[in-house]
C-alpha atoms as a PDB file:
ATOM      1  CA  MET A   1      86.101 337.125 186.129  1.00  0.00           C
ATOM      2  CA  ASP A   2      86.571 333.895 185.134  1.00  0.00           C
ATOM      3  CA  THR A   3      83.414 332.623 183.227  1.00  0.00           C
ATOM      4  CA  PHE A   4      84.635 328.918 182.197  1.00  0.00           C
ATOM      5  CA  THR A   5      84.493 326.072 184.374  1.00  0.00           C
ATOM      6  CA  PRO A   6      87.778 323.700 183.822  1.00  0.00           C
ATOM      7  CA  ILE A   7      86.679 320.119 182.180  1.00  0.00           C
ATOM      8  CA  GLU A   8      88.860 318.609 183.962  1.00  0.00           C
ATOM      9  CA  SER A   9      86.732 320.030 187.607  1.00  0.00           C
ATOM     10  CA  LEU A  10      83.833 318.022 186.481  1.00  0.00           C
ATOM     11  CA  ASP A  11      82.690 314.741 185.945  1.00  0.00           C
ATOM     12  CA  ARG A  12      80.935 313.381 182.741  1.00  0.00           C
ATOM     13  CA  GLN A  13      77.749 313.036 184.338  1.00  0.00           C
ATOM     14  CA  ALA A  14      74.777 312.629 182.046  1.00  0.00           C
ATOM     15  CA  LEU A  15      72.240 315.924 182.112  1.00  0.00           C
ATOM     16  CA  CYS A  16      69.595 315.370 179.170  1.00  0.00           C
ATOM     17  CA  ARG A  17      68.592 313.454 176.106  1.00  0.00           C
ATOM     18  CA  LEU A  18      69.893 316.017 172.874  1.00  0.00           C
ATOM     19  CA  ASP A  19      66.071 315.446 171.477  1.00  0.00           C
ATOM     20  CA  GLU A  20      64.811 316.973 174.638  1.00  0.00           C
ATOM     21  CA  ILE A  21      66.075 320.253 174.003  1.00  0.00           C
ATOM     22  CA  PRO A  22      63.936 321.655 171.438  1.00  0.00           C
ATOM     23  CA  ASP A  23      66.483 322.383 168.597  1.00  0.00           C
ATOM     24  CA  GLY A  24      66.863 326.392 168.342  1.00  0.00           C
ATOM     25  CA  GLY A  25      65.495 326.265 171.542  1.00  0.00           C
ATOM     26  CA  ALA A  26      66.484 325.599 176.032  1.00  0.00           C
ATOM     27  CA  THR A  27      66.059 324.074 178.413  1.00  0.00           C
ATOM     28  CA  ALA A  28      67.015 323.765 182.406  1.00  0.00           C
ATOM     29  CA  VAL A  29      69.259 320.735 184.176  1.00  0.00           C
ATOM     30  CA  ASP A  30      70.298 320.290 187.290  1.00  0.00           C
ATOM     31  CA  ALA A  31      74.065 319.735 187.743  1.00  0.00           C
ATOM     32  CA  HIS A  32      76.138 318.388 190.181  1.00  0.00           C
ATOM     33  CA  LEU A  33      79.359 321.223 190.248  1.00  0.00           C
ATOM     34  CA  PRO A  34      82.281 321.517 192.254  1.00  0.00           C
ATOM     35  CA  ASP A  35      80.643 324.239 194.665  1.00  0.00           C
ATOM     36  CA  GLY A  36      77.358 322.643 194.958  1.00  0.00           C
ATOM     37  CA  GLU A  37      74.292 321.841 192.384  1.00  0.00           C
ATOM     38  CA  GLU A  38      73.190 324.220 190.184  1.00  0.00           C
ATOM     39  CA  SER A  39      70.781 325.093 188.106  1.00  0.00           C
ATOM     40  CA  LEU A  40      72.142 324.840 184.017  1.00  0.00           C
ATOM     41  CA  ILE A  41      70.618 326.588 180.776  1.00  0.00           C
ATOM     42  CA  LEU A  42      71.454 324.533 177.712  1.00  0.00           C
ATOM     43  CA  LEU A  43      71.141 326.022 174.237  1.00  0.00           C
ATOM     44  CA  ARG A  44      70.917 323.643 171.376  1.00  0.00           C
ATOM     45  CA  ARG A  45      71.396 324.316 167.991  1.00  0.00           C
ATOM     46  CA  GLY A  46      71.174 321.469 165.668  1.00  0.00           C
ATOM     47  CA  GLY A  47      73.859 318.991 166.865  1.00  0.00           C
ATOM     48  CA  GLU A  48      75.535 321.210 168.710  1.00  0.00           C
ATOM     49  CA  VAL A  49      74.633 322.330 172.998  1.00  0.00           C
ATOM     50  CA  ARG A  50      75.902 325.593 174.974  1.00  0.00           C
ATOM     51  CA  GLY A  51      75.286 325.420 178.492  1.00  0.00           C
ATOM     52  CA  TYR A  52      75.751 328.575 181.184  1.00  0.00           C
ATOM     53  CA  LEU A  53      74.909 328.405 184.735  1.00  0.00           C
ATOM     54  CA  ASN A  54      71.318 330.039 185.054  1.00  0.00           C
ATOM     55  CA  VAL A  55      72.107 333.144 187.465  1.00  0.00           C
ATOM     56  CA  CYS A  56      71.922 336.813 185.274  1.00  0.00           C
ATOM     57  CA  PRO A  57      75.175 338.252 186.447  1.00  0.00           C
ATOM     58  CA  HIS A  58      73.171 341.381 187.251  1.00  0.00           C
ATOM     59  CA  ALA A  59      71.215 340.240 190.446  1.00  0.00           C
ATOM     60  CA  GLY A  60      71.805 336.716 190.994  1.00  0.00           C
ATOM     61  CA  ARG A  61      68.217 335.498 190.280  1.00  0.00           C
ATOM     62  CA  ARG A  62      67.586 333.150 187.598  1.00  0.00           C
ATOM     63  CA  LEU A  63      67.117 333.570 183.827  1.00  0.00           C
ATOM     64  CA  ASP A  64      64.104 332.052 183.017  1.00  0.00           C
ATOM     65  CA  TYR A  65      60.127 333.218 183.433  1.00  0.00           C
ATOM     66  CA  ALA A  66      59.254 329.860 184.941  1.00  0.00           C
ATOM     67  CA  PRO A  67      60.956 326.998 185.370  1.00  0.00           C
ATOM     68  CA  GLY A  68      62.897 325.679 182.222  1.00  0.00           C
ATOM     69  CA  LYS A  69      61.240 328.211 179.866  1.00  0.00           C
ATOM     70  CA  PHE A  70      63.344 331.216 178.545  1.00  0.00           C
ATOM     71  CA  LEU A  71      63.105 334.168 176.423  1.00  0.00           C
ATOM     72  CA  LEU A  72      65.043 333.493 173.070  1.00  0.00           C
ATOM     73  CA  LYS A  73      64.973 335.562 170.037  1.00  0.00           C
ATOM     74  CA  ASN A  74      67.436 336.262 167.228  1.00  0.00           C
ATOM     75  CA  ASP A  75      70.127 334.031 169.045  1.00  0.00           C
ATOM     76  CA  THR A  76      69.738 335.962 172.201  1.00  0.00           C
ATOM     77  CA  LEU A  77      68.692 335.559 175.306  1.00  0.00           C
ATOM     78  CA  THR A  78      66.884 337.616 177.933  1.00  0.00           C
ATOM     79  CA  CYS A  79      66.664 338.107 181.444  1.00  0.00           C
ATOM     80  CA  ALA A  80      62.988 337.672 182.720  1.00  0.00           C
ATOM     81  CA  VAL A  81      63.713 339.510 185.866  1.00  0.00           C
ATOM     82  CA  HIS A  82      65.633 342.789 184.464  1.00  0.00           C
ATOM     83  CA  GLY A  83      65.813 342.397 180.585  1.00  0.00           C
ATOM     84  CA  ALA A  84      69.504 342.278 180.117  1.00  0.00           C
ATOM     85  CA  THR A  85      69.766 340.537 177.272  1.00  0.00           C
ATOM     86  CA  PHE A  86      72.767 337.727 176.474  1.00  0.00           C
ATOM     87  CA  ASN A  87      74.048 336.864 172.862  1.00  0.00           C
ATOM     88  CA  GLN A  88      73.726 332.703 173.425  1.00  0.00           C
ATOM     89  CA  GLY A  89      76.792 331.970 171.680  1.00  0.00           C
ATOM     90  CA  ASP A  90      79.105 333.448 173.873  1.00  0.00           C
ATOM     91  CA  GLY A  91      77.124 334.703 176.870  1.00  0.00           C
ATOM     92  CA  LEU A  92      77.693 338.365 176.678  1.00  0.00           C
ATOM     93  CA  CYS A  93      75.210 340.584 177.640  1.00  0.00           C
ATOM     94  CA  ILE A  94      74.746 343.159 174.988  1.00  0.00           C
ATOM     95  CA  ALA A  95      72.188 345.173 176.250  1.00  0.00           C
ATOM     96  CA  GLY A  96      70.460 345.866 180.126  1.00  0.00           C
ATOM     97  CA  PRO A  97      72.233 346.557 183.199  1.00  0.00           C
ATOM     98  CA  CYS A  98      74.866 343.906 183.338  1.00  0.00           C
ATOM     99  CA  ARG A  99      75.831 345.118 179.961  1.00  0.00           C
ATOM    100  CA  GLY A 100      79.947 343.800 178.792  1.00  0.00           C
ATOM    101  CA  GLU A 101      79.763 341.213 181.286  1.00  0.00           C
ATOM    102  CA  HIS A 102      79.067 337.483 180.502  1.00  0.00           C
ATOM    103  CA  LEU A 103      77.168 334.413 181.697  1.00  0.00           C
ATOM    104  CA  ARG A 104      79.053 332.181 183.443  1.00  0.00           C
ATOM    105  CA  ALA A 105      79.733 328.811 180.851  1.00  0.00           C
ATOM    106  CA  VAL A 106      79.454 325.272 181.887  1.00  0.00           C
ATOM    107  CA  ALA A 107      81.163 322.855 179.469  1.00  0.00           C
ATOM    108  CA  VAL A 108      79.475 320.096 178.192  1.00  0.00           C
ATOM    109  CA  GLN A 109      79.821 317.613 175.028  1.00  0.00           C
ATOM    110  CA  VAL A 110      77.064 315.893 173.329  1.00  0.00           C
ATOM    111  CA  GLU A 111      78.034 311.941 173.016  1.00  0.00           C
ATOM    112  CA  ALA A 112      76.035 309.051 171.157  1.00  0.00           C
ATOM    113  CA  GLY A 113      72.910 311.516 171.882  1.00  0.00           C
ATOM    114  CA  GLU A 114      73.504 312.409 175.400  1.00  0.00           C
ATOM    115  CA  VAL A 115      74.205 316.025 176.767  1.00  0.00           C
ATOM    116  CA  ARG A 116      76.900 315.471 179.430  1.00  0.00           C
ATOM    117  CA  LEU A 117      79.316 317.609 181.575  1.00  0.00           C
ATOM    118  CA  GLY A 118      82.612 318.103 179.484  1.00  0.00           C
END
């Protein structure tokens, strides 16, 4: 399964300002992707941000327990519905019903304090 949305298929739309994501935290934003509008998870570590579709590969449900609120602990992200636990760095499910599967990564970049599709 391809877990990365190619850069050339995306425009450079701004998603949010870097300072809108707590350092060590996450937020959800809506983005216009080639397949339509999608909710993304943006995870921040200092000046770096990783992006994933806000969809658990287990049941296709959103990962947040309330809009933009995620269960984060020790560099992991946990699905609020079924407890699948993912590495924040690579999106790999390390525990739960979809162990071994990945979150779908979306390329993002930080430019001049803005997080943009990359």
